[in-house]
N, C-alpha and C. Protein backbone atom coordinates (compact mmCIF):
# COMPACT_ATOMS: atom_id res chain seq x y z
N MET A 1 0.84 -1.18 0.00
CA MET A 1 0.00 0.00 0.00
C MET A 1 0.89 1.25 0.00
N GLN A 2 0.49 2.23 -0.77
CA GLN A 2 1.24 3.48 -0.84
C GLN A 2 0.76 4.43 0.23
N LYS A 3 1.62 4.75 1.16
CA LYS A 3 1.29 5.79 2.14
C LYS A 3 2.08 7.03 1.74
N LYS A 4 1.38 8.09 1.42
CA LYS A 4 2.05 9.31 0.98
C LYS A 4 2.27 10.21 2.18
N GLN A 5 3.42 10.05 2.82
CA GLN A 5 3.79 10.93 3.91
C GLN A 5 5.27 11.22 3.80
N ASN A 6 5.69 12.32 4.39
CA ASN A 6 7.09 12.73 4.30
C ASN A 6 7.58 12.74 2.86
N ILE A 7 6.83 13.41 2.01
CA ILE A 7 7.17 13.48 0.59
C ILE A 7 8.32 14.44 0.38
N PHE A 8 9.31 13.98 -0.38
CA PHE A 8 10.46 14.80 -0.76
C PHE A 8 10.30 15.14 -2.24
N THR A 9 10.54 16.39 -2.60
CA THR A 9 10.41 16.81 -3.99
C THR A 9 11.63 17.61 -4.43
N TYR A 10 11.89 17.55 -5.71
CA TYR A 10 12.87 18.44 -6.33
C TYR A 10 12.52 18.57 -7.81
N SER A 11 13.02 19.62 -8.43
CA SER A 11 12.71 19.90 -9.83
C SER A 11 13.94 19.71 -10.71
N ILE A 12 13.67 19.35 -11.95
CA ILE A 12 14.73 19.28 -12.96
C ILE A 12 14.19 19.87 -14.26
N ILE A 13 15.10 20.24 -15.12
CA ILE A 13 14.74 20.66 -16.48
C ILE A 13 15.43 19.70 -17.43
N VAL A 14 14.66 19.11 -18.33
CA VAL A 14 15.19 18.13 -19.27
C VAL A 14 16.22 18.80 -20.17
N ASN A 15 17.39 18.16 -20.27
CA ASN A 15 18.45 18.71 -21.12
C ASN A 15 18.67 17.82 -22.35
N ALA A 16 19.42 18.33 -23.29
CA ALA A 16 19.61 17.68 -24.59
C ALA A 16 20.22 16.28 -24.48
N SER A 17 21.08 16.05 -23.50
CA SER A 17 21.72 14.74 -23.36
C SER A 17 20.73 13.64 -22.95
N GLU A 18 19.56 14.02 -22.50
CA GLU A 18 18.55 13.04 -22.06
C GLU A 18 17.54 12.67 -23.16
N ILE A 19 17.67 13.32 -24.30
CA ILE A 19 16.73 13.11 -25.41
C ILE A 19 17.24 12.01 -26.33
N ASP A 20 16.33 11.13 -26.76
CA ASP A 20 16.72 10.04 -27.65
C ASP A 20 16.27 10.31 -29.09
N GLU A 21 16.42 9.31 -29.96
CA GLU A 21 16.08 9.47 -31.37
C GLU A 21 14.58 9.65 -31.62
N LEU A 22 13.76 9.39 -30.63
CA LEU A 22 12.31 9.61 -30.75
C LEU A 22 11.92 11.01 -30.29
N ASN A 23 12.93 11.80 -29.94
CA ASN A 23 12.75 13.20 -29.54
C ASN A 23 12.04 13.36 -28.19
N HIS A 24 12.22 12.37 -27.33
CA HIS A 24 11.75 12.49 -25.95
C HIS A 24 12.78 11.86 -25.02
N VAL A 25 12.56 12.00 -23.71
CA VAL A 25 13.52 11.49 -22.74
C VAL A 25 13.60 9.96 -22.84
N ASN A 26 14.83 9.46 -22.91
CA ASN A 26 15.06 8.03 -22.95
C ASN A 26 14.72 7.42 -21.60
N ASN A 27 14.20 6.20 -21.60
CA ASN A 27 13.74 5.56 -20.37
C ASN A 27 14.84 5.39 -19.34
N THR A 28 16.09 5.27 -19.75
CA THR A 28 17.17 5.08 -18.78
C THR A 28 17.31 6.29 -17.85
N HIS A 29 16.93 7.46 -18.33
CA HIS A 29 17.04 8.66 -17.49
C HIS A 29 15.97 8.67 -16.39
N TYR A 30 14.83 8.09 -16.66
CA TYR A 30 13.80 7.98 -15.62
C TYR A 30 14.33 7.15 -14.45
N ILE A 31 15.00 6.05 -14.77
CA ILE A 31 15.58 5.21 -13.71
C ILE A 31 16.61 6.01 -12.92
N GLN A 32 17.43 6.79 -13.62
CA GLN A 32 18.42 7.62 -12.93
C GLN A 32 17.73 8.63 -12.02
N TRP A 33 16.65 9.24 -12.48
CA TRP A 33 15.91 10.21 -11.66
C TRP A 33 15.32 9.53 -10.43
N VAL A 34 14.81 8.31 -10.61
CA VAL A 34 14.25 7.54 -9.48
C VAL A 34 15.35 7.29 -8.45
N GLN A 35 16.51 6.86 -8.90
CA GLN A 35 17.62 6.61 -7.98
C GLN A 35 18.11 7.90 -7.34
N ASN A 36 18.19 8.97 -8.10
CA ASN A 36 18.61 10.26 -7.55
C ASN A 36 17.64 10.73 -6.46
N ALA A 37 16.34 10.55 -6.70
CA ALA A 37 15.34 10.95 -5.71
C ALA A 37 15.55 10.18 -4.41
N ALA A 38 15.77 8.88 -4.51
CA ALA A 38 15.99 8.06 -3.32
C ALA A 38 17.24 8.51 -2.58
N GLN A 39 18.30 8.75 -3.31
CA GLN A 39 19.56 9.16 -2.68
C GLN A 39 19.42 10.52 -2.01
N LYS A 40 18.83 11.48 -2.69
CA LYS A 40 18.66 12.82 -2.12
C LYS A 40 17.79 12.76 -0.86
N HIS A 41 16.71 11.99 -0.93
CA HIS A 41 15.80 11.87 0.22
C HIS A 41 16.50 11.19 1.39
N TRP A 42 17.20 10.08 1.13
CA TRP A 42 17.91 9.37 2.19
C TRP A 42 18.95 10.28 2.84
N ASN A 43 19.65 11.07 2.03
CA ASN A 43 20.67 11.97 2.58
C ASN A 43 20.07 12.98 3.55
N ILE A 44 18.85 13.39 3.31
CA ILE A 44 18.17 14.31 4.23
C ILE A 44 17.73 13.59 5.50
N LEU A 45 17.22 12.37 5.35
CA LEU A 45 16.70 11.62 6.49
C LEU A 45 17.78 11.03 7.38
N SER A 46 18.88 10.61 6.78
CA SER A 46 19.88 9.83 7.50
C SER A 46 20.90 10.70 8.21
N SER A 47 21.84 10.03 8.83
CA SER A 47 22.93 10.70 9.54
C SER A 47 24.25 10.09 9.12
N THR A 48 25.33 10.74 9.47
CA THR A 48 26.66 10.19 9.19
C THR A 48 26.80 8.83 9.87
N HIS A 49 26.28 8.73 11.07
CA HIS A 49 26.33 7.46 11.82
C HIS A 49 25.70 6.33 11.01
N LEU A 50 24.50 6.55 10.49
CA LEU A 50 23.82 5.51 9.70
C LEU A 50 24.56 5.23 8.40
N ASN A 51 25.06 6.26 7.76
CA ASN A 51 25.74 6.09 6.47
C ASN A 51 27.08 5.37 6.58
N THR A 52 27.68 5.39 7.76
CA THR A 52 28.93 4.63 7.93
C THR A 52 28.65 3.15 8.20
N LYS A 53 27.44 2.84 8.65
CA LYS A 53 27.08 1.45 8.97
C LYS A 53 26.32 0.72 7.87
N TYR A 54 25.54 1.47 7.08
CA TYR A 54 24.61 0.84 6.15
C TYR A 54 24.67 1.45 4.76
N VAL A 55 24.21 0.66 3.80
CA VAL A 55 24.04 1.12 2.43
C VAL A 55 22.81 0.41 1.85
N TRP A 56 22.09 1.11 0.97
CA TRP A 56 20.91 0.54 0.31
C TRP A 56 21.26 0.11 -1.11
N VAL A 57 20.71 -1.01 -1.54
CA VAL A 57 20.86 -1.45 -2.93
C VAL A 57 19.48 -1.78 -3.49
N VAL A 58 19.35 -1.63 -4.79
CA VAL A 58 18.07 -1.88 -5.47
C VAL A 58 17.91 -3.38 -5.72
N LEU A 59 16.74 -3.88 -5.37
CA LEU A 59 16.37 -5.26 -5.73
C LEU A 59 15.46 -5.28 -6.95
N ARG A 60 14.61 -4.24 -7.07
CA ARG A 60 13.61 -4.26 -8.15
C ARG A 60 13.12 -2.84 -8.43
N HIS A 61 13.00 -2.53 -9.72
CA HIS A 61 12.34 -1.30 -10.17
C HIS A 61 11.11 -1.71 -10.98
N GLU A 62 9.99 -1.06 -10.73
CA GLU A 62 8.81 -1.16 -11.59
C GLU A 62 8.49 0.26 -12.03
N VAL A 63 8.48 0.51 -13.33
CA VAL A 63 8.24 1.86 -13.83
C VAL A 63 7.10 1.83 -14.83
N ASP A 64 6.17 2.75 -14.66
CA ASP A 64 5.10 2.96 -15.63
C ASP A 64 5.35 4.29 -16.31
N TYR A 65 5.49 4.24 -17.63
CA TYR A 65 5.69 5.45 -18.43
C TYR A 65 4.33 5.85 -18.99
N LEU A 66 3.84 7.00 -18.57
CA LEU A 66 2.47 7.40 -18.89
C LEU A 66 2.39 8.46 -19.98
N ALA A 67 3.40 9.30 -20.09
CA ALA A 67 3.45 10.35 -21.10
C ALA A 67 4.91 10.76 -21.27
N PRO A 68 5.28 11.26 -22.46
CA PRO A 68 6.68 11.61 -22.68
C PRO A 68 7.08 12.94 -22.06
N ALA A 69 8.36 13.04 -21.76
CA ALA A 69 8.97 14.31 -21.38
C ALA A 69 9.87 14.71 -22.55
N LYS A 70 9.93 16.01 -22.79
CA LYS A 70 10.70 16.51 -23.94
C LYS A 70 11.70 17.57 -23.50
N LEU A 71 12.54 17.96 -24.43
CA LEU A 71 13.59 18.93 -24.18
C LEU A 71 13.03 20.19 -23.52
N LYS A 72 13.69 20.62 -22.46
CA LYS A 72 13.39 21.83 -21.69
C LYS A 72 12.11 21.74 -20.86
N ASP A 73 11.48 20.57 -20.79
CA ASP A 73 10.34 20.41 -19.88
C ASP A 73 10.83 20.55 -18.45
N GLU A 74 10.06 21.24 -17.63
CA GLU A 74 10.35 21.29 -16.19
C GLU A 74 9.56 20.18 -15.52
N LEU A 75 10.25 19.34 -14.79
CA LEU A 75 9.63 18.19 -14.16
C LEU A 75 9.79 18.28 -12.65
N LEU A 76 8.78 17.81 -11.95
CA LEU A 76 8.83 17.71 -10.50
C LEU A 76 8.95 16.23 -10.15
N ILE A 77 9.96 15.91 -9.37
CA ILE A 77 10.19 14.53 -8.92
C ILE A 77 9.74 14.46 -7.46
N LYS A 78 8.80 13.55 -7.18
CA LYS A 78 8.28 13.37 -5.82
C LYS A 78 8.59 11.95 -5.37
N THR A 79 9.04 11.80 -4.13
CA THR A 79 9.30 10.45 -3.62
C THR A 79 8.86 10.35 -2.16
N TRP A 80 8.49 9.16 -1.79
CA TRP A 80 8.13 8.85 -0.41
C TRP A 80 8.37 7.36 -0.17
N ILE A 81 8.45 7.00 1.09
CA ILE A 81 8.75 5.63 1.49
C ILE A 81 7.45 4.91 1.84
N GLY A 82 7.34 3.69 1.36
CA GLY A 82 6.19 2.85 1.66
C GLY A 82 6.49 1.97 2.86
N ASN A 83 6.13 0.72 2.75
CA ASN A 83 6.35 -0.23 3.84
C ASN A 83 7.81 -0.65 3.91
N SER A 84 8.29 -0.84 5.13
CA SER A 84 9.63 -1.36 5.37
C SER A 84 9.49 -2.58 6.26
N TYR A 85 10.14 -3.67 5.86
CA TYR A 85 9.95 -4.95 6.54
C TYR A 85 11.18 -5.81 6.31
N GLY A 86 11.60 -6.52 7.33
CA GLY A 86 12.77 -7.38 7.19
C GLY A 86 13.98 -6.58 6.76
N VAL A 87 14.52 -6.94 5.60
CA VAL A 87 15.67 -6.23 5.04
C VAL A 87 15.27 -5.27 3.92
N LYS A 88 13.95 -5.20 3.62
CA LYS A 88 13.46 -4.47 2.45
C LYS A 88 12.66 -3.23 2.80
N SER A 89 12.71 -2.27 1.88
CA SER A 89 11.91 -1.06 2.02
C SER A 89 11.40 -0.65 0.64
N GLU A 90 10.12 -0.28 0.59
CA GLU A 90 9.52 0.19 -0.66
C GLU A 90 9.69 1.70 -0.77
N ARG A 91 9.94 2.15 -1.98
CA ARG A 91 9.98 3.59 -2.25
C ARG A 91 9.18 3.85 -3.51
N PHE A 92 8.41 4.92 -3.46
CA PHE A 92 7.58 5.32 -4.59
C PHE A 92 8.08 6.65 -5.13
N VAL A 93 7.98 6.80 -6.45
CA VAL A 93 8.38 8.04 -7.11
C VAL A 93 7.32 8.38 -8.15
N GLU A 94 6.97 9.66 -8.20
CA GLU A 94 6.14 10.19 -9.28
C GLU A 94 6.93 11.28 -9.97
N ILE A 95 6.90 11.26 -11.29
CA ILE A 95 7.54 12.30 -12.09
C ILE A 95 6.40 13.05 -12.77
N MET A 96 6.36 14.36 -12.51
CA MET A 96 5.23 15.17 -12.96
C MET A 96 5.68 16.27 -13.91
N LYS A 97 4.82 16.52 -14.90
CA LYS A 97 4.97 17.67 -15.79
C LYS A 97 3.72 18.50 -15.57
N GLY A 98 3.90 19.64 -14.92
CA GLY A 98 2.72 20.41 -14.50
C GLY A 98 1.97 19.60 -13.46
N SER A 99 0.66 19.45 -13.66
CA SER A 99 -0.15 18.69 -12.70
C SER A 99 -0.35 17.24 -13.14
N LYS A 100 0.32 16.84 -14.21
CA LYS A 100 0.14 15.51 -14.77
C LYS A 100 1.29 14.58 -14.40
N VAL A 101 0.96 13.39 -13.88
CA VAL A 101 1.97 12.37 -13.62
C VAL A 101 2.35 11.74 -14.95
N ILE A 102 3.63 11.85 -15.33
CA ILE A 102 4.06 11.28 -16.61
C ILE A 102 4.79 9.95 -16.45
N ALA A 103 5.23 9.67 -15.23
CA ALA A 103 5.85 8.37 -14.93
C ALA A 103 5.74 8.12 -13.44
N LYS A 104 5.64 6.86 -13.08
CA LYS A 104 5.63 6.50 -11.66
C LYS A 104 6.41 5.21 -11.49
N ALA A 105 7.03 5.10 -10.33
CA ALA A 105 7.89 3.95 -10.08
C ALA A 105 7.71 3.45 -8.65
N LYS A 106 7.91 2.16 -8.52
CA LYS A 106 8.01 1.52 -7.19
C LYS A 106 9.32 0.77 -7.20
N THR A 107 10.14 1.03 -6.21
CA THR A 107 11.44 0.37 -6.10
C THR A 107 11.51 -0.35 -4.77
N ILE A 108 12.04 -1.55 -4.80
CA ILE A 108 12.29 -2.30 -3.58
C ILE A 108 13.80 -2.20 -3.31
N TRP A 109 14.12 -1.67 -2.15
CA TRP A 109 15.51 -1.49 -1.72
C TRP A 109 15.83 -2.51 -0.63
N CYS A 110 17.07 -2.94 -0.58
CA CYS A 110 17.55 -3.86 0.45
C CYS A 110 18.64 -3.17 1.25
N LEU A 111 18.55 -3.26 2.56
CA LEU A 111 19.55 -2.67 3.44
C LEU A 111 20.71 -3.64 3.63
N LEU A 112 21.93 -3.13 3.42
CA LEU A 112 23.13 -3.94 3.61
C LEU A 112 24.00 -3.36 4.71
N ASP A 113 24.67 -4.24 5.42
CA ASP A 113 25.72 -3.84 6.34
C ASP A 113 26.89 -3.38 5.48
N LYS A 114 27.37 -2.18 5.70
CA LYS A 114 28.40 -1.60 4.83
C LYS A 114 29.73 -2.33 4.92
N THR A 115 30.00 -2.99 6.02
CA THR A 115 31.26 -3.72 6.19
C THR A 115 31.21 -5.07 5.50
N THR A 116 30.16 -5.84 5.77
CA THR A 116 30.06 -7.20 5.23
C THR A 116 29.39 -7.23 3.86
N MET A 117 28.65 -6.17 3.52
CA MET A 117 27.87 -6.09 2.28
C MET A 117 26.82 -7.22 2.20
N LYS A 118 26.34 -7.61 3.38
CA LYS A 118 25.29 -8.62 3.46
C LYS A 118 24.01 -7.96 3.96
N PRO A 119 22.85 -8.50 3.55
CA PRO A 119 21.58 -7.94 4.01
C PRO A 119 21.48 -7.94 5.53
N VAL A 120 20.88 -6.88 6.05
CA VAL A 120 20.70 -6.74 7.49
C VAL A 120 19.27 -6.24 7.75
N ARG A 121 18.67 -6.80 8.75
CA ARG A 121 17.30 -6.43 9.12
C ARG A 121 17.24 -4.94 9.46
N ILE A 122 16.19 -4.29 9.01
CA ILE A 122 16.01 -2.85 9.27
C ILE A 122 15.70 -2.67 10.75
N SER A 123 16.55 -1.94 11.43
CA SER A 123 16.43 -1.75 12.88
C SER A 123 15.36 -0.70 13.20
N GLU A 124 14.98 -0.65 14.46
CA GLU A 124 14.03 0.37 14.93
C GLU A 124 14.58 1.77 14.67
N GLU A 125 15.89 1.93 14.84
CA GLU A 125 16.53 3.23 14.59
C GLU A 125 16.28 3.70 13.15
N ILE A 126 16.42 2.79 12.20
CA ILE A 126 16.19 3.15 10.80
C ILE A 126 14.71 3.30 10.52
N LEU A 127 13.88 2.44 11.09
CA LEU A 127 12.42 2.56 10.89
C LEU A 127 11.91 3.94 11.31
N LYS A 128 12.45 4.45 12.42
CA LYS A 128 12.03 5.79 12.88
C LYS A 128 12.42 6.86 11.87
N VAL A 129 13.57 6.70 11.24
CA VAL A 129 14.03 7.65 10.21
C VAL A 129 13.12 7.57 8.99
N LEU A 130 12.69 6.38 8.65
CA LEU A 130 11.88 6.17 7.45
C LEU A 130 10.43 6.61 7.60
N GLU A 131 9.97 6.74 8.84
CA GLU A 131 8.55 7.08 9.06
C GLU A 131 8.25 8.52 8.82
């Protein structure tokens, strides 16, 4: 279930390097924006203490492309965290042009111990940060 709370947003303007032969943004850039949103949001929520102990990796991306983005479009990237359980956490992203959602994504992230690089259960300390 998507719970929309603690939404983080930022804006971008589509540049020429993101345009493909069909004259719209190539799908690989949407994935990059989804990952950038997660990283920017986590950097705001987390602390140096957490970042020295843990790292997140992607297990799965699901992306729905609803409408194209084109050169010089101003886009709003919105992200929020869904359910977190075991070693996994859901993150949702909407990419908007004006008031229209042009792409949406759900990503499943896995928490790793930064030293061993093995999955680690999400602690209460991290759950509080994610809420």
